[in-house]
N, C-alpha and C. Protein backbone atom coordinates (compact mmCIF):
# COMPACT_ATOMS: atom_id res chain seq x y z
N UNK A 1 -2.03 26.68 13.56
CA UNK A 1 -3.37 26.25 13.19
C UNK A 1 -3.49 26.21 11.66
N UNK A 2 -4.14 25.19 11.16
CA UNK A 2 -4.33 25.04 9.72
C UNK A 2 -5.55 25.81 9.25
N UNK A 3 -5.56 26.14 7.96
CA UNK A 3 -6.73 26.80 7.39
C UNK A 3 -7.93 25.87 7.39
N UNK A 4 -7.69 24.56 7.58
CA UNK A 4 -8.79 23.60 7.61
C UNK A 4 -9.41 23.50 9.00
N UNK A 5 -8.75 24.05 10.01
CA UNK A 5 -9.28 24.01 11.38
C UNK A 5 -10.16 25.23 11.62
N UNK A 6 -11.35 25.20 11.07
CA UNK A 6 -12.28 26.32 11.18
C UNK A 6 -13.42 25.93 12.11
N UNK A 7 -13.65 26.77 13.09
CA UNK A 7 -14.77 26.57 14.00
C UNK A 7 -15.80 27.67 13.73
N UNK A 8 -16.89 27.29 13.10
CA UNK A 8 -17.90 28.28 12.70
C UNK A 8 -18.53 28.95 13.92
N UNK A 9 -18.72 28.22 15.00
CA UNK A 9 -19.31 28.81 16.19
C UNK A 9 -18.45 29.93 16.76
N UNK A 10 -17.13 29.69 16.80
CA UNK A 10 -16.23 30.74 17.29
C UNK A 10 -16.21 31.93 16.32
N UNK A 11 -16.27 31.63 15.02
CA UNK A 11 -16.26 32.70 14.03
C UNK A 11 -17.49 33.59 14.17
N UNK A 12 -18.63 32.98 14.44
CA UNK A 12 -19.86 33.75 14.61
C UNK A 12 -19.74 34.74 15.76
N UNK A 13 -19.07 34.33 16.81
CA UNK A 13 -18.87 35.22 17.97
C UNK A 13 -17.90 36.35 17.63
N UNK A 14 -16.80 35.98 16.97
CA UNK A 14 -15.75 36.96 16.69
C UNK A 14 -16.19 38.03 15.68
N UNK A 15 -17.19 37.72 14.85
CA UNK A 15 -17.65 38.69 13.88
C UNK A 15 -18.50 39.80 14.50
N UNK A 16 -19.01 39.58 15.70
CA UNK A 16 -19.80 40.59 16.38
C UNK A 16 -18.90 41.53 17.18
N UNK A 17 -19.20 42.82 17.20
CA UNK A 17 -18.50 43.72 18.11
C UNK A 17 -18.74 43.27 19.56
N UNK A 18 -17.79 43.46 20.44
CA UNK A 18 -17.93 42.99 21.83
C UNK A 18 -19.21 43.46 22.50
N UNK A 19 -19.66 44.69 22.22
CA UNK A 19 -20.84 45.20 22.91
C UNK A 19 -22.15 44.72 22.28
N UNK A 20 -22.04 43.90 21.22
CA UNK A 20 -23.24 43.37 20.55
C UNK A 20 -23.35 41.85 20.69
N UNK A 21 -22.52 41.27 21.52
CA UNK A 21 -22.50 39.81 21.65
C UNK A 21 -23.54 39.34 22.68
N UNK A 22 -24.79 39.55 22.33
CA UNK A 22 -25.86 39.09 23.20
C UNK A 22 -26.05 37.58 23.01
N UNK A 23 -26.39 36.93 24.10
CA UNK A 23 -26.48 35.47 24.08
C UNK A 23 -27.49 34.98 23.05
N UNK A 24 -28.66 35.58 23.02
CA UNK A 24 -29.69 35.12 22.09
C UNK A 24 -29.29 35.37 20.63
N UNK A 25 -28.67 36.52 20.39
CA UNK A 25 -28.25 36.84 19.01
C UNK A 25 -27.19 35.86 18.52
N UNK A 26 -26.21 35.58 19.38
CA UNK A 26 -25.15 34.65 18.99
C UNK A 26 -25.72 33.25 18.75
N UNK A 27 -26.62 32.81 19.61
CA UNK A 27 -27.23 31.48 19.46
C UNK A 27 -28.00 31.39 18.14
N UNK A 28 -28.68 32.46 17.77
CA UNK A 28 -29.44 32.48 16.52
C UNK A 28 -28.51 32.38 15.31
N UNK A 29 -27.43 33.16 15.31
CA UNK A 29 -26.48 33.15 14.20
C UNK A 29 -25.78 31.79 14.10
N UNK A 30 -25.44 31.23 15.25
CA UNK A 30 -24.78 29.92 15.24
C UNK A 30 -25.70 28.84 14.68
N UNK A 31 -26.98 28.95 14.98
CA UNK A 31 -27.95 28.00 14.43
C UNK A 31 -28.04 28.12 12.92
N UNK A 32 -28.00 29.36 12.41
CA UNK A 32 -28.04 29.56 10.96
C UNK A 32 -26.78 29.00 10.28
N UNK A 33 -25.65 29.09 10.95
CA UNK A 33 -24.38 28.67 10.36
C UNK A 33 -24.03 27.20 10.64
N UNK A 34 -24.86 26.52 11.41
CA UNK A 34 -24.55 25.14 11.77
C UNK A 34 -24.35 24.22 10.56
N UNK A 35 -25.13 24.37 9.48
CA UNK A 35 -24.86 23.53 8.30
C UNK A 35 -23.46 23.71 7.73
N UNK A 36 -22.90 24.92 7.82
CA UNK A 36 -21.54 25.14 7.35
C UNK A 36 -20.53 24.37 8.20
N UNK A 37 -20.77 24.34 9.51
CA UNK A 37 -19.88 23.59 10.39
C UNK A 37 -19.97 22.10 10.09
N UNK A 38 -21.19 21.63 9.81
CA UNK A 38 -21.38 20.22 9.48
C UNK A 38 -20.64 19.86 8.20
N UNK A 39 -20.70 20.74 7.19
CA UNK A 39 -19.99 20.48 5.94
C UNK A 39 -18.48 20.51 6.14
N UNK A 40 -18.00 21.45 6.94
CA UNK A 40 -16.57 21.51 7.21
C UNK A 40 -16.08 20.24 7.89
N UNK A 41 -16.83 19.79 8.90
CA UNK A 41 -16.44 18.58 9.61
C UNK A 41 -16.49 17.36 8.69
N UNK A 42 -17.50 17.31 7.83
CA UNK A 42 -17.68 16.16 6.96
C UNK A 42 -16.57 16.04 5.93
N UNK A 43 -16.23 17.13 5.27
CA UNK A 43 -15.28 17.08 4.17
C UNK A 43 -13.85 17.41 4.58
N UNK A 44 -13.65 18.52 5.28
CA UNK A 44 -12.29 18.97 5.56
C UNK A 44 -11.69 18.33 6.79
N UNK A 45 -12.51 17.79 7.68
CA UNK A 45 -11.97 17.14 8.87
C UNK A 45 -11.03 16.00 8.53
N UNK A 46 -11.46 15.12 7.63
CA UNK A 46 -10.62 13.99 7.23
C UNK A 46 -9.71 14.32 6.06
N UNK A 47 -10.01 15.37 5.31
CA UNK A 47 -9.16 15.74 4.18
C UNK A 47 -7.76 16.13 4.65
N UNK A 48 -7.68 16.86 5.72
CA UNK A 48 -6.39 17.32 6.21
C UNK A 48 -5.73 16.30 7.15
N UNK A 49 -6.48 15.82 8.11
CA UNK A 49 -5.90 14.95 9.12
C UNK A 49 -5.97 13.47 8.81
N UNK A 50 -6.72 13.07 7.78
CA UNK A 50 -6.87 11.65 7.48
C UNK A 50 -8.12 11.08 8.13
N UNK A 51 -8.60 9.98 7.58
CA UNK A 51 -9.83 9.37 8.07
C UNK A 51 -9.52 8.15 8.93
N UNK A 52 -10.33 7.95 9.97
CA UNK A 52 -10.21 6.77 10.81
C UNK A 52 -11.34 5.78 10.53
N UNK A 53 -12.07 6.00 9.44
CA UNK A 53 -13.18 5.10 9.10
C UNK A 53 -12.66 3.69 8.85
N UNK A 54 -13.45 2.71 9.27
CA UNK A 54 -13.06 1.31 9.11
C UNK A 54 -13.33 0.86 7.67
N UNK A 55 -12.59 -0.13 7.19
CA UNK A 55 -12.85 -0.66 5.84
C UNK A 55 -14.27 -1.20 5.73
N UNK A 56 -14.86 -1.03 4.56
CA UNK A 56 -16.23 -1.51 4.34
C UNK A 56 -16.29 -3.03 4.40
N UNK A 57 -17.32 -3.53 5.04
CA UNK A 57 -17.63 -4.96 5.02
C UNK A 57 -19.14 -5.08 4.90
N UNK A 58 -19.58 -6.14 4.27
CA UNK A 58 -21.01 -6.32 4.05
C UNK A 58 -21.76 -6.26 5.38
N UNK A 59 -22.76 -5.41 5.44
CA UNK A 59 -23.52 -5.23 6.67
C UNK A 59 -24.48 -4.08 6.53
N UNK A 60 -24.96 -3.58 7.67
CA UNK A 60 -25.93 -2.49 7.69
C UNK A 60 -25.29 -1.25 8.30
N UNK A 61 -25.46 -0.11 7.62
CA UNK A 61 -24.85 1.14 8.07
C UNK A 61 -25.92 2.20 8.27
N UNK A 62 -25.68 3.06 9.25
CA UNK A 62 -26.63 4.11 9.60
C UNK A 62 -26.31 5.41 8.87
N UNK A 63 -27.21 6.34 8.98
CA UNK A 63 -27.08 7.65 8.33
C UNK A 63 -25.80 8.34 8.76
N UNK A 64 -25.01 8.78 7.77
CA UNK A 64 -23.75 9.50 7.92
C UNK A 64 -22.61 8.64 8.48
N UNK A 65 -22.82 7.35 8.65
CA UNK A 65 -21.74 6.48 9.07
C UNK A 65 -20.74 6.34 7.93
N UNK A 66 -19.45 6.47 8.25
CA UNK A 66 -18.42 6.50 7.22
C UNK A 66 -17.69 5.16 7.12
N UNK A 67 -17.28 4.82 5.89
CA UNK A 67 -16.51 3.60 5.65
C UNK A 67 -15.40 3.91 4.65
N UNK A 68 -14.39 3.07 4.64
CA UNK A 68 -13.32 3.16 3.65
C UNK A 68 -13.51 2.04 2.64
N UNK A 69 -13.60 2.42 1.37
CA UNK A 69 -13.83 1.44 0.31
C UNK A 69 -12.96 1.80 -0.89
N UNK A 70 -12.07 0.86 -1.26
CA UNK A 70 -11.13 1.10 -2.37
C UNK A 70 -10.36 2.39 -2.16
N UNK A 71 -9.90 2.58 -0.94
CA UNK A 71 -9.05 3.71 -0.51
C UNK A 71 -9.79 5.05 -0.46
N UNK A 72 -11.08 5.04 -0.73
CA UNK A 72 -11.88 6.26 -0.67
C UNK A 72 -12.80 6.21 0.55
N UNK A 73 -13.28 7.39 0.96
CA UNK A 73 -14.15 7.48 2.13
C UNK A 73 -15.56 7.85 1.69
N UNK A 74 -16.52 7.06 2.14
CA UNK A 74 -17.93 7.27 1.81
C UNK A 74 -18.73 7.44 3.10
N UNK A 75 -19.81 8.22 3.02
CA UNK A 75 -20.74 8.39 4.14
C UNK A 75 -22.12 7.91 3.69
N UNK A 76 -22.77 7.15 4.55
CA UNK A 76 -24.10 6.64 4.21
C UNK A 76 -25.13 7.77 4.24
N UNK A 77 -26.02 7.78 3.25
CA UNK A 77 -27.04 8.81 3.17
C UNK A 77 -28.38 8.37 3.73
N UNK A 78 -28.46 7.11 4.16
CA UNK A 78 -29.71 6.59 4.72
C UNK A 78 -29.41 5.69 5.90
N UNK A 79 -30.41 5.45 6.72
CA UNK A 79 -30.31 4.44 7.77
C UNK A 79 -30.56 3.06 7.16
N UNK A 80 -30.01 2.04 7.77
CA UNK A 80 -30.21 0.68 7.28
C UNK A 80 -29.63 0.45 5.91
N UNK A 81 -28.51 1.06 5.62
CA UNK A 81 -27.90 0.98 4.29
C UNK A 81 -27.12 -0.33 4.16
N UNK A 82 -27.50 -1.16 3.19
CA UNK A 82 -26.81 -2.42 2.93
C UNK A 82 -26.15 -2.43 1.55
N UNK A 83 -26.18 -1.31 0.84
CA UNK A 83 -25.62 -1.24 -0.51
C UNK A 83 -24.09 -1.13 -0.47
N UNK A 84 -23.47 -1.44 -1.61
CA UNK A 84 -22.06 -1.13 -1.78
C UNK A 84 -21.88 0.39 -1.81
N UNK A 85 -20.74 0.90 -1.37
CA UNK A 85 -20.52 2.35 -1.35
C UNK A 85 -20.56 3.03 -2.72
N UNK A 86 -20.61 2.27 -3.78
CA UNK A 86 -20.64 2.90 -5.10
C UNK A 86 -22.04 3.28 -5.56
N UNK A 87 -23.08 2.99 -4.77
CA UNK A 87 -24.44 3.30 -5.18
C UNK A 87 -24.82 4.71 -4.73
N UNK A 88 -26.00 5.16 -5.14
CA UNK A 88 -26.47 6.51 -4.82
C UNK A 88 -26.84 6.67 -3.36
N UNK A 89 -26.84 5.60 -2.59
CA UNK A 89 -27.12 5.69 -1.16
C UNK A 89 -25.89 6.07 -0.34
N UNK A 90 -24.79 6.31 -1.04
CA UNK A 90 -23.56 6.72 -0.37
C UNK A 90 -23.05 8.03 -0.97
N UNK A 91 -22.39 8.82 -0.13
CA UNK A 91 -21.79 10.08 -0.57
C UNK A 91 -20.27 9.96 -0.49
N UNK A 92 -19.59 10.16 -1.63
CA UNK A 92 -18.13 10.16 -1.64
C UNK A 92 -17.64 11.47 -1.02
N UNK A 93 -16.88 11.36 0.06
CA UNK A 93 -16.41 12.58 0.73
C UNK A 93 -14.90 12.77 0.64
N UNK A 94 -14.14 11.68 0.38
CA UNK A 94 -12.70 11.81 0.21
C UNK A 94 -12.23 10.82 -0.84
N UNK A 95 -11.31 11.26 -1.71
CA UNK A 95 -10.72 10.37 -2.70
C UNK A 95 -9.56 9.57 -2.14
N UNK A 96 -9.06 9.96 -0.99
CA UNK A 96 -7.92 9.27 -0.39
C UNK A 96 -8.08 9.29 1.13
N UNK A 97 -7.97 8.11 1.75
CA UNK A 97 -8.17 8.04 3.20
C UNK A 97 -6.98 8.60 3.97
N UNK A 98 -5.83 8.78 3.30
CA UNK A 98 -4.66 9.36 3.95
C UNK A 98 -4.78 10.88 3.88
N UNK A 99 -4.61 11.53 5.00
CA UNK A 99 -4.80 12.98 5.06
C UNK A 99 -3.70 13.75 4.35
N UNK A 100 -4.05 14.96 3.93
CA UNK A 100 -3.09 15.83 3.26
C UNK A 100 -1.90 16.13 4.15
N UNK A 101 -2.13 16.28 5.44
CA UNK A 101 -1.05 16.59 6.38
C UNK A 101 0.06 15.54 6.32
N UNK A 102 -0.32 14.29 6.10
CA UNK A 102 0.67 13.22 6.01
C UNK A 102 1.22 13.08 4.60
N UNK A 103 0.38 13.19 3.60
CA UNK A 103 0.81 12.94 2.22
C UNK A 103 1.86 13.93 1.73
N UNK A 104 1.81 15.17 2.22
CA UNK A 104 2.80 16.16 1.77
C UNK A 104 4.19 15.86 2.31
N UNK A 105 4.29 14.95 3.27
CA UNK A 105 5.60 14.59 3.83
C UNK A 105 6.24 13.41 3.10
N UNK A 106 5.50 12.75 2.22
CA UNK A 106 6.04 11.61 1.49
C UNK A 106 7.09 12.08 0.48
N UNK A 107 8.10 11.26 0.28
CA UNK A 107 9.10 11.54 -0.74
C UNK A 107 9.69 10.21 -1.22
N UNK A 108 10.69 10.28 -2.09
CA UNK A 108 11.23 9.09 -2.70
C UNK A 108 12.35 8.41 -1.95
N UNK A 109 12.69 8.86 -0.74
CA UNK A 109 13.72 8.17 0.03
C UNK A 109 13.21 6.78 0.43
N UNK A 110 14.09 5.83 0.56
CA UNK A 110 13.73 4.42 0.72
C UNK A 110 12.81 4.20 1.91
N UNK A 111 13.18 4.68 3.08
CA UNK A 111 12.41 4.40 4.29
C UNK A 111 11.03 5.07 4.24
N UNK A 112 10.99 6.32 3.79
CA UNK A 112 9.72 7.04 3.70
C UNK A 112 8.80 6.39 2.68
N UNK A 113 9.36 6.00 1.54
CA UNK A 113 8.55 5.38 0.50
C UNK A 113 8.03 4.02 0.94
N UNK A 114 8.81 3.28 1.69
CA UNK A 114 8.33 2.00 2.24
C UNK A 114 7.15 2.23 3.18
N UNK A 115 7.28 3.22 4.04
CA UNK A 115 6.17 3.54 4.95
C UNK A 115 4.92 3.92 4.17
N UNK A 116 5.09 4.78 3.14
CA UNK A 116 3.95 5.23 2.36
C UNK A 116 3.28 4.07 1.62
N UNK A 117 4.07 3.18 1.05
CA UNK A 117 3.52 2.04 0.33
C UNK A 117 2.70 1.14 1.24
N UNK A 118 3.23 0.86 2.41
CA UNK A 118 2.51 0.00 3.35
C UNK A 118 1.24 0.67 3.87
N UNK A 119 1.27 1.98 4.02
CA UNK A 119 0.07 2.70 4.44
C UNK A 119 -0.98 2.69 3.33
N UNK A 120 -0.55 2.92 2.12
CA UNK A 120 -1.46 3.00 0.99
C UNK A 120 -2.13 1.66 0.69
N UNK A 121 -1.39 0.55 0.85
CA UNK A 121 -1.92 -0.75 0.46
C UNK A 121 -2.26 -1.65 1.66
N UNK A 122 -2.49 -1.01 2.80
CA UNK A 122 -3.00 -1.71 4.00
C UNK A 122 -2.13 -2.89 4.42
N UNK A 123 -0.84 -2.70 4.41
CA UNK A 123 0.07 -3.72 4.90
C UNK A 123 0.87 -3.16 6.07
N UNK A 124 1.80 -3.93 6.60
CA UNK A 124 2.49 -3.56 7.84
C UNK A 124 3.87 -2.98 7.57
N UNK A 125 4.10 -1.79 8.09
CA UNK A 125 5.43 -1.17 8.03
C UNK A 125 6.16 -1.51 9.33
N UNK A 126 7.43 -1.88 9.19
CA UNK A 126 8.25 -2.20 10.36
C UNK A 126 9.53 -1.36 10.32
N UNK A 127 9.89 -0.83 11.47
CA UNK A 127 11.13 -0.06 11.54
C UNK A 127 12.30 -0.99 11.27
N UNK A 128 13.30 -0.52 10.51
CA UNK A 128 14.48 -1.38 10.24
C UNK A 128 15.30 -1.59 11.49
N UNK A 129 16.14 -2.61 11.44
CA UNK A 129 16.98 -2.91 12.59
C UNK A 129 18.00 -1.80 12.83
N UNK A 130 18.26 -1.55 14.09
CA UNK A 130 19.32 -0.63 14.48
C UNK A 130 20.66 -1.37 14.40
N UNK A 131 21.78 -0.65 14.47
CA UNK A 131 23.09 -1.33 14.44
C UNK A 131 23.24 -2.40 15.52
N UNK A 132 22.52 -2.24 16.65
CA UNK A 132 22.61 -3.22 17.73
C UNK A 132 21.67 -4.40 17.53
N UNK A 133 20.91 -4.38 16.42
CA UNK A 133 20.03 -5.50 16.13
C UNK A 133 18.63 -5.37 16.68
N UNK A 134 18.30 -4.19 17.25
CA UNK A 134 16.97 -3.99 17.82
C UNK A 134 16.01 -3.62 16.70
N UNK A 135 14.83 -4.24 16.73
CA UNK A 135 13.82 -3.91 15.73
C UNK A 135 13.58 -5.06 14.77
N UNK A 136 12.59 -4.89 13.91
CA UNK A 136 12.25 -5.92 12.95
C UNK A 136 13.18 -5.86 11.74
N UNK A 137 12.96 -6.77 10.83
CA UNK A 137 13.82 -6.82 9.65
C UNK A 137 13.26 -5.98 8.52
N UNK A 138 12.21 -6.44 7.87
CA UNK A 138 11.66 -5.71 6.73
C UNK A 138 10.16 -5.56 6.88
N UNK A 139 9.61 -4.58 6.20
CA UNK A 139 8.17 -4.38 6.17
C UNK A 139 7.54 -5.38 5.20
N UNK A 140 6.19 -5.46 5.23
CA UNK A 140 5.51 -6.34 4.28
C UNK A 140 5.87 -5.94 2.85
N UNK A 141 5.75 -4.66 2.55
CA UNK A 141 6.22 -4.13 1.26
C UNK A 141 7.56 -3.45 1.52
N UNK A 142 8.58 -3.92 0.85
CA UNK A 142 9.91 -3.34 1.08
C UNK A 142 10.61 -3.11 -0.25
N UNK A 143 11.63 -2.28 -0.19
CA UNK A 143 12.36 -1.85 -1.40
C UNK A 143 13.78 -2.40 -1.36
N UNK A 144 14.22 -2.92 -2.49
CA UNK A 144 15.59 -3.40 -2.65
C UNK A 144 16.29 -2.52 -3.68
N UNK A 145 17.37 -1.88 -3.28
CA UNK A 145 18.15 -1.09 -4.23
C UNK A 145 18.94 -2.01 -5.14
N UNK A 146 18.98 -1.70 -6.43
CA UNK A 146 19.67 -2.52 -7.41
C UNK A 146 20.95 -1.85 -7.85
N UNK A 147 22.01 -2.64 -7.96
CA UNK A 147 23.29 -2.11 -8.42
C UNK A 147 23.22 -1.83 -9.91
N UNK A 148 23.79 -0.73 -10.31
CA UNK A 148 23.80 -0.38 -11.72
C UNK A 148 24.89 -1.16 -12.45
N UNK A 149 24.68 -1.45 -13.72
CA UNK A 149 25.66 -2.14 -14.54
C UNK A 149 25.87 -1.36 -15.83
N UNK A 150 27.08 -1.34 -16.30
CA UNK A 150 27.42 -0.61 -17.51
C UNK A 150 27.74 -1.61 -18.62
N UNK A 151 27.06 -1.49 -19.74
CA UNK A 151 27.28 -2.38 -20.88
C UNK A 151 27.57 -1.51 -22.10
N UNK A 152 28.58 -1.85 -22.86
CA UNK A 152 28.89 -1.09 -24.05
C UNK A 152 30.32 -0.59 -24.04
N UNK A 153 30.62 0.34 -24.89
CA UNK A 153 31.98 0.86 -25.04
C UNK A 153 32.32 1.78 -23.86
N UNK A 154 33.49 1.56 -23.26
CA UNK A 154 33.91 2.32 -22.08
C UNK A 154 35.07 3.25 -22.41
N UNK A 155 34.94 4.47 -21.95
CA UNK A 155 36.05 5.43 -22.05
C UNK A 155 36.39 5.84 -20.63
N UNK A 156 37.59 5.45 -20.18
CA UNK A 156 37.97 5.74 -18.80
C UNK A 156 39.27 6.50 -18.72
N UNK A 157 39.75 6.66 -17.51
CA UNK A 157 41.00 7.41 -17.29
C UNK A 157 42.22 6.50 -17.27
N UNK A 158 41.97 5.23 -17.04
CA UNK A 158 43.09 4.29 -17.00
C UNK A 158 42.81 3.15 -17.97
N UNK A 159 43.86 2.43 -18.33
CA UNK A 159 43.72 1.34 -19.29
C UNK A 159 42.75 0.27 -18.81
N UNK A 160 42.75 0.02 -17.51
CA UNK A 160 41.90 -1.05 -16.97
C UNK A 160 40.42 -0.75 -17.16
N UNK A 161 40.06 0.53 -17.25
CA UNK A 161 38.66 0.92 -17.35
C UNK A 161 38.32 1.53 -18.71
N UNK A 162 39.08 1.16 -19.75
CA UNK A 162 38.83 1.66 -21.10
C UNK A 162 38.72 0.47 -22.06
N UNK A 163 37.86 0.60 -23.06
CA UNK A 163 37.76 -0.42 -24.09
C UNK A 163 38.85 -0.20 -25.13
N UNK A 164 39.27 -1.31 -25.73
CA UNK A 164 40.33 -1.22 -26.74
C UNK A 164 39.75 -0.88 -28.11
N UNK A 165 40.52 -0.13 -28.91
CA UNK A 165 40.11 0.25 -30.26
C UNK A 165 41.25 -0.06 -31.22
N UNK A 166 40.95 -0.89 -32.24
CA UNK A 166 41.95 -1.20 -33.24
C UNK A 166 41.64 -0.52 -34.56
N UNK A 167 42.40 -0.84 -35.61
CA UNK A 167 42.20 -0.21 -36.91
C UNK A 167 40.86 -0.60 -37.52
N UNK A 168 40.48 -1.85 -37.31
CA UNK A 168 39.22 -2.33 -37.89
C UNK A 168 38.26 -2.92 -36.87
N UNK A 169 38.70 -3.05 -35.63
CA UNK A 169 37.85 -3.67 -34.60
C UNK A 169 37.92 -2.86 -33.31
N UNK A 170 36.97 -3.12 -32.43
CA UNK A 170 36.97 -2.52 -31.09
C UNK A 170 36.41 -3.54 -30.10
N UNK A 171 36.63 -3.31 -28.84
CA UNK A 171 36.18 -4.25 -27.81
C UNK A 171 34.66 -4.34 -27.77
N UNK A 172 33.96 -3.28 -28.16
CA UNK A 172 32.49 -3.30 -28.20
C UNK A 172 32.04 -2.29 -29.23
N UNK A 173 30.76 -2.29 -29.53
CA UNK A 173 30.21 -1.37 -30.51
C UNK A 173 30.39 0.07 -30.06
N UNK A 174 30.61 0.96 -31.01
CA UNK A 174 30.79 2.37 -30.71
C UNK A 174 29.68 3.17 -31.39
N UNK A 175 29.10 4.12 -30.65
CA UNK A 175 28.15 5.03 -31.26
C UNK A 175 26.74 4.50 -31.34
N UNK A 176 26.04 4.83 -32.42
CA UNK A 176 24.60 4.59 -32.51
C UNK A 176 24.20 3.13 -32.64
N UNK A 177 25.19 2.24 -32.85
CA UNK A 177 24.83 0.83 -32.93
C UNK A 177 24.44 0.24 -31.58
N UNK A 178 24.78 0.95 -30.51
CA UNK A 178 24.39 0.49 -29.17
C UNK A 178 22.94 0.86 -28.90
N UNK A 179 22.16 -0.08 -28.42
CA UNK A 179 20.78 0.22 -28.04
C UNK A 179 20.76 0.89 -26.69
N UNK A 180 19.80 1.82 -26.52
CA UNK A 180 19.68 2.54 -25.26
C UNK A 180 18.84 1.70 -24.30
N UNK A 181 19.36 1.43 -23.12
CA UNK A 181 18.66 0.57 -22.16
C UNK A 181 18.34 1.35 -20.90
N UNK A 182 17.16 1.07 -20.33
CA UNK A 182 16.78 1.66 -19.05
C UNK A 182 17.28 0.76 -17.93
N UNK A 183 18.09 1.29 -17.06
CA UNK A 183 18.57 0.51 -15.92
C UNK A 183 17.61 0.69 -14.76
N UNK A 184 17.21 -0.41 -14.15
CA UNK A 184 16.33 -0.34 -12.99
C UNK A 184 17.14 0.00 -11.75
N UNK A 185 16.70 1.04 -11.05
CA UNK A 185 17.42 1.51 -9.87
C UNK A 185 17.01 0.79 -8.59
N UNK A 186 15.76 0.34 -8.53
CA UNK A 186 15.33 -0.38 -7.32
C UNK A 186 14.17 -1.30 -7.66
N UNK A 187 13.84 -2.14 -6.69
CA UNK A 187 12.78 -3.13 -6.86
C UNK A 187 11.82 -3.04 -5.69
N UNK A 188 10.53 -3.02 -5.98
CA UNK A 188 9.50 -3.00 -4.94
C UNK A 188 8.99 -4.43 -4.76
N UNK A 189 9.11 -4.95 -3.56
CA UNK A 189 8.71 -6.32 -3.24
C UNK A 189 7.40 -6.30 -2.47
N UNK A 190 6.39 -6.98 -3.02
CA UNK A 190 5.04 -6.97 -2.43
C UNK A 190 4.58 -8.40 -2.20
N UNK A 191 4.03 -8.70 -1.01
CA UNK A 191 3.48 -10.04 -0.78
C UNK A 191 2.39 -10.38 -1.80
N UNK A 192 2.36 -11.61 -2.23
CA UNK A 192 1.39 -12.04 -3.24
C UNK A 192 -0.04 -11.76 -2.81
N UNK A 193 -0.34 -11.99 -1.54
CA UNK A 193 -1.71 -11.79 -1.04
C UNK A 193 -2.12 -10.33 -1.11
N UNK A 194 -1.20 -9.42 -0.89
CA UNK A 194 -1.51 -7.98 -0.96
C UNK A 194 -1.62 -7.54 -2.41
N UNK A 195 -0.73 -8.06 -3.25
CA UNK A 195 -0.76 -7.67 -4.66
C UNK A 195 -2.03 -8.16 -5.34
N UNK A 196 -2.60 -9.25 -4.84
CA UNK A 196 -3.84 -9.79 -5.43
C UNK A 196 -5.00 -8.83 -5.28
N UNK A 197 -4.90 -7.88 -4.34
CA UNK A 197 -5.97 -6.91 -4.10
C UNK A 197 -5.78 -5.64 -4.90
N UNK A 198 -4.69 -5.55 -5.65
CA UNK A 198 -4.42 -4.35 -6.43
C UNK A 198 -3.82 -4.78 -7.77
N UNK A 199 -3.00 -3.95 -8.39
CA UNK A 199 -2.32 -4.30 -9.63
C UNK A 199 -1.08 -3.43 -9.77
N UNK A 200 -0.23 -3.77 -10.74
CA UNK A 200 1.03 -3.05 -10.89
C UNK A 200 0.83 -1.59 -11.25
N UNK A 201 -0.18 -1.31 -12.08
CA UNK A 201 -0.40 0.08 -12.47
C UNK A 201 -0.78 0.94 -11.28
N UNK A 202 -1.57 0.39 -10.36
CA UNK A 202 -1.94 1.14 -9.15
C UNK A 202 -0.72 1.43 -8.30
N UNK A 203 0.19 0.47 -8.21
CA UNK A 203 1.43 0.69 -7.46
C UNK A 203 2.26 1.78 -8.12
N UNK A 204 2.38 1.71 -9.43
CA UNK A 204 3.19 2.71 -10.14
C UNK A 204 2.55 4.10 -10.08
N UNK A 205 1.24 4.17 -10.16
CA UNK A 205 0.57 5.47 -10.06
C UNK A 205 0.87 6.13 -8.73
N UNK A 206 0.98 5.33 -7.69
CA UNK A 206 1.27 5.88 -6.36
C UNK A 206 2.74 6.27 -6.24
N UNK A 207 3.64 5.36 -6.62
CA UNK A 207 5.07 5.59 -6.44
C UNK A 207 5.57 6.74 -7.32
N UNK A 208 5.05 6.85 -8.53
CA UNK A 208 5.55 7.87 -9.47
C UNK A 208 5.30 9.29 -9.00
N UNK A 209 4.44 9.46 -8.01
CA UNK A 209 4.20 10.80 -7.46
C UNK A 209 5.39 11.29 -6.64
N UNK A 210 6.22 10.37 -6.16
CA UNK A 210 7.20 10.74 -5.15
C UNK A 210 8.66 10.50 -5.54
N UNK A 211 8.91 9.89 -6.70
CA UNK A 211 10.30 9.64 -7.10
C UNK A 211 10.65 10.51 -8.30
N UNK A 212 11.93 10.82 -8.49
CA UNK A 212 12.35 11.56 -9.69
C UNK A 212 12.02 10.76 -10.94
N UNK A 213 11.67 11.45 -12.01
CA UNK A 213 11.28 10.77 -13.25
C UNK A 213 12.44 9.99 -13.86
N UNK A 214 13.67 10.28 -13.47
CA UNK A 214 14.82 9.59 -14.03
C UNK A 214 15.02 8.20 -13.45
N UNK A 215 14.35 7.89 -12.34
CA UNK A 215 14.52 6.59 -11.70
C UNK A 215 13.57 5.57 -12.31
N UNK A 216 14.05 4.34 -12.45
CA UNK A 216 13.24 3.24 -12.94
C UNK A 216 13.23 2.12 -11.91
N UNK A 217 12.19 1.31 -11.94
CA UNK A 217 12.06 0.26 -10.92
C UNK A 217 11.20 -0.86 -11.45
N UNK A 218 11.26 -1.98 -10.77
CA UNK A 218 10.40 -3.12 -11.08
C UNK A 218 9.50 -3.40 -9.88
N UNK A 219 8.40 -4.06 -10.14
CA UNK A 219 7.47 -4.48 -9.08
C UNK A 219 7.38 -5.99 -9.13
N UNK A 220 7.67 -6.64 -8.03
CA UNK A 220 7.67 -8.10 -7.99
C UNK A 220 6.99 -8.61 -6.75
N UNK A 221 6.45 -9.81 -6.80
CA UNK A 221 5.78 -10.42 -5.65
C UNK A 221 6.67 -11.48 -5.03
N UNK A 222 6.34 -11.81 -3.79
CA UNK A 222 7.10 -12.88 -3.10
C UNK A 222 6.17 -13.65 -2.17
C-alpha cells in the first residue's frame, strides 16, 4: 500500500479504542474529517496513480469536473463553467497528468523513452516487431540511434588505425588546434502534426530528465 492510499474513514475508526467505537461517535468523527478525505481524493488520487480526465474542449463543465489542459489537470470551481482552465473559475490540482507511480519508472533506455515520449505528447506507442515479425513497426514518436564518428588525429594500436606523423607534417591536426565537437548519440523523430502542438524546448525539457547528461541528441520532424 502506498502512503497516498489513505482512507480517512478507516483511520477514524482505528484511532478509537475497540471498546469506544460507538456507531454514533464514529459517524460524527467521520463527518468532521470528510473534508480531509475530499482533499486527499482530489489531489493525491491522481498525483500517484495518474489522471483519467479527458482533454479540455470548448464546452460547459460542472462543479469539480476535471479536464486535462496543456498536460495539467484542472477542476471546475463552478457549475456551467465555459472558461478556459487558466481562469480563476478553475483549480489547478496536478502539474502533470501522468502519475508519479508511472513516472518513476521512466529511464533513458530506447524503448522506455519512446513509450514515455508518446505518453507525454499524446501520440501512439507501438510495440516493436518480434523476431518472427509479429507486432507493429515504429511508434508515432520514435528514436533512431546514431553511429558515432571520429574526426581528428588518431592514436591506435596498429598502423591501420593510427595517423601518420612526419618531421614537419602530420595526417591531421594535433592538440589544441582541433575544435571540440559534440557528437549526437540519437535522434528523436516526431510527426509534424504532433510537433506543431509543442516545441523543441518542451521535448528537451522532458527527455533531459531521463538520459545521462553526457548524451546528445537532435529533434526532427517527419
